[in-house]
Amino acid sequence: MTERSAMPHAGADSSPKQKVPNAETRAAMAEADEIVKAGRVRFATVEEMFEAPEEPGRS
């Protein structure tokens, strides 16, 4: 039995679906990459993070 015939039938296109991040997620990922590259930290402590006001446009 071949590998193809051993797989359950899932219709004409049985290839796995690739999920693509939306624009907001891509922006957050880019921001995280920049933070890592710059070696900077936005908050020194967890308490400082929770006390900080939300940035405009963020939820």
N, C-alpha and C. Protein backbone atom coordinates (compact mmCIF):
# COMPACT_ATOMS: atom_id res chain seq x y z
N MET A 1 0.86 -1.19 0.00
CA MET A 1 0.00 0.00 0.00
C MET A 1 0.90 1.24 0.00
N THR A 2 0.59 2.17 -0.86
CA THR A 2 1.40 3.38 -0.93
C THR A 2 0.95 4.36 0.15
N GLU A 3 1.81 5.34 0.42
CA GLU A 3 1.48 6.36 1.43
C GLU A 3 0.22 7.11 1.03
N ARG A 4 0.07 7.41 -0.23
CA ARG A 4 -1.09 8.16 -0.70
C ARG A 4 -2.37 7.37 -0.48
N SER A 5 -2.35 6.09 -0.77
CA SER A 5 -3.57 5.31 -0.59
C SER A 5 -3.87 5.03 0.87
N ALA A 6 -2.88 5.17 1.74
CA ALA A 6 -3.11 4.94 3.17
C ALA A 6 -3.75 6.15 3.84
N MET A 7 -3.70 7.30 3.16
CA MET A 7 -4.27 8.52 3.74
C MET A 7 -5.77 8.55 3.51
N PRO A 8 -6.53 9.01 4.51
CA PRO A 8 -7.97 9.11 4.31
C PRO A 8 -8.29 10.14 3.23
N HIS A 9 -9.35 9.90 2.51
CA HIS A 9 -9.76 10.80 1.43
C HIS A 9 -10.34 12.07 2.03
N ALA A 10 -9.80 13.21 1.65
CA ALA A 10 -10.26 14.49 2.19
C ALA A 10 -10.76 15.40 1.08
N GLY A 11 -11.12 14.86 -0.04
CA GLY A 11 -11.59 15.70 -1.13
C GLY A 11 -10.50 15.93 -2.15
N ALA A 12 -10.77 16.80 -3.10
CA ALA A 12 -9.84 17.05 -4.19
C ALA A 12 -8.53 17.65 -3.71
N ASP A 13 -8.60 18.56 -2.76
CA ASP A 13 -7.39 19.22 -2.24
C ASP A 13 -7.18 18.78 -0.81
N SER A 14 -6.36 17.76 -0.62
CA SER A 14 -6.14 17.25 0.73
C SER A 14 -4.85 17.78 1.35
N SER A 15 -4.23 18.78 0.71
CA SER A 15 -3.00 19.35 1.26
C SER A 15 -3.33 20.16 2.51
N PRO A 16 -2.40 20.20 3.48
CA PRO A 16 -2.66 20.97 4.71
C PRO A 16 -2.81 22.46 4.39
N LYS A 17 -3.67 23.11 5.11
CA LYS A 17 -3.90 24.54 4.90
C LYS A 17 -2.89 25.33 5.72
N GLN A 18 -2.31 26.33 5.11
CA GLN A 18 -1.35 27.19 5.80
C GLN A 18 -2.08 28.42 6.29
N LYS A 19 -1.94 28.71 7.59
CA LYS A 19 -2.58 29.89 8.15
C LYS A 19 -1.63 31.08 8.02
N VAL A 20 -2.19 32.21 7.60
CA VAL A 20 -1.41 33.42 7.40
C VAL A 20 -1.86 34.45 8.44
N PRO A 21 -0.92 35.02 9.21
CA PRO A 21 -1.30 36.02 10.21
C PRO A 21 -1.94 37.25 9.57
N ASN A 22 -2.90 37.84 10.28
CA ASN A 22 -3.54 39.05 9.77
C ASN A 22 -2.60 40.25 9.99
N ALA A 23 -3.02 41.41 9.52
CA ALA A 23 -2.17 42.61 9.56
C ALA A 23 -1.78 42.99 10.99
N GLU A 24 -2.72 42.90 11.92
CA GLU A 24 -2.42 43.27 13.31
C GLU A 24 -1.38 42.33 13.91
N THR A 25 -1.51 41.04 13.64
CA THR A 25 -0.55 40.06 14.15
C THR A 25 0.82 40.27 13.52
N ARG A 26 0.85 40.54 12.20
CA ARG A 26 2.14 40.79 11.54
C ARG A 26 2.82 42.03 12.12
N ALA A 27 2.04 43.06 12.43
CA ALA A 27 2.61 44.28 13.03
C ALA A 27 3.18 43.97 14.41
N ALA A 28 2.47 43.18 15.20
CA ALA A 28 2.96 42.82 16.54
C ALA A 28 4.22 41.98 16.44
N MET A 29 4.27 41.08 15.47
CA MET A 29 5.46 40.26 15.28
C MET A 29 6.65 41.11 14.87
N ALA A 30 6.42 42.09 14.00
CA ALA A 30 7.50 42.99 13.57
C ALA A 30 7.98 43.82 14.75
N GLU A 31 7.05 44.29 15.57
CA GLU A 31 7.43 45.07 16.75
C GLU A 31 8.26 44.23 17.70
N ALA A 32 7.87 42.99 17.91
CA ALA A 32 8.62 42.09 18.79
C ALA A 32 10.03 41.86 18.24
N ASP A 33 10.14 41.68 16.93
CA ASP A 33 11.46 41.50 16.32
C ASP A 33 12.34 42.72 16.54
N GLU A 34 11.77 43.91 16.41
CA GLU A 34 12.54 45.15 16.62
C GLU A 34 12.99 45.27 18.07
N ILE A 35 12.13 44.91 19.01
CA ILE A 35 12.48 44.96 20.43
C ILE A 35 13.67 44.04 20.71
N VAL A 36 13.62 42.84 20.15
CA VAL A 36 14.70 41.88 20.34
C VAL A 36 15.99 42.40 19.71
N LYS A 37 15.90 42.90 18.48
CA LYS A 37 17.09 43.41 17.78
C LYS A 37 17.72 44.58 18.52
N ALA A 38 16.88 45.46 19.08
CA ALA A 38 17.39 46.64 19.77
C ALA A 38 17.88 46.32 21.18
N GLY A 39 17.50 45.16 21.68
CA GLY A 39 17.91 44.77 23.03
C GLY A 39 17.28 45.64 24.10
N ARG A 40 16.14 46.22 23.78
CA ARG A 40 15.47 47.07 24.76
C ARG A 40 14.27 46.34 25.37
N VAL A 41 13.92 46.81 26.54
CA VAL A 41 12.78 46.25 27.25
C VAL A 41 11.81 47.40 27.50
N ARG A 42 10.53 47.15 27.31
CA ARG A 42 9.56 48.21 27.51
C ARG A 42 9.28 48.43 29.00
N PHE A 43 9.35 47.37 29.79
CA PHE A 43 9.04 47.46 31.21
C PHE A 43 10.10 46.72 32.01
N ALA A 44 10.49 47.31 33.13
CA ALA A 44 11.50 46.68 33.98
C ALA A 44 10.89 45.61 34.88
N THR A 45 9.62 45.79 35.25
CA THR A 45 8.95 44.85 36.13
C THR A 45 7.55 44.55 35.62
N VAL A 46 6.98 43.48 36.10
CA VAL A 46 5.60 43.14 35.75
C VAL A 46 4.65 44.20 36.27
N GLU A 47 4.92 44.69 37.46
CA GLU A 47 4.06 45.73 38.05
C GLU A 47 4.03 46.98 37.16
N GLU A 48 5.20 47.35 36.65
CA GLU A 48 5.28 48.51 35.76
C GLU A 48 4.45 48.28 34.50
N MET A 49 4.47 47.06 33.99
CA MET A 49 3.71 46.74 32.80
C MET A 49 2.20 46.89 33.06
N PHE A 50 1.74 46.37 34.20
CA PHE A 50 0.31 46.44 34.49
C PHE A 50 -0.16 47.86 34.82
N GLU A 51 0.74 48.70 35.29
CA GLU A 51 0.38 50.08 35.63
C GLU A 51 0.40 51.00 34.41
N ALA A 52 1.05 50.59 33.35
CA ALA A 52 1.18 51.43 32.16
C ALA A 52 -0.16 51.56 31.45
N PRO A 53 -0.48 52.76 30.98
CA PRO A 53 -1.73 52.92 30.21
C PRO A 53 -1.62 52.23 28.86
N GLU A 54 -2.75 51.84 28.33
CA GLU A 54 -2.80 51.22 27.00
C GLU A 54 -2.36 52.24 25.95
N GLU A 55 -1.64 51.78 24.95
CA GLU A 55 -1.26 52.66 23.85
C GLU A 55 -2.49 52.90 22.97
N PRO A 56 -2.63 54.09 22.43
CA PRO A 56 -3.77 54.36 21.53
C PRO A 56 -3.77 53.40 20.34
N GLY A 57 -4.94 52.91 20.00
CA GLY A 57 -5.06 52.00 18.87
C GLY A 57 -4.81 50.55 19.22
N ARG A 58 -4.55 50.29 20.45
CA ARG A 58 -4.31 48.90 20.89
C ARG A 58 -5.47 48.47 21.75
N SER A 59 -5.78 47.18 21.67
CA SER A 59 -6.84 46.66 22.54
C SER A 59 -6.34 45.49 23.34
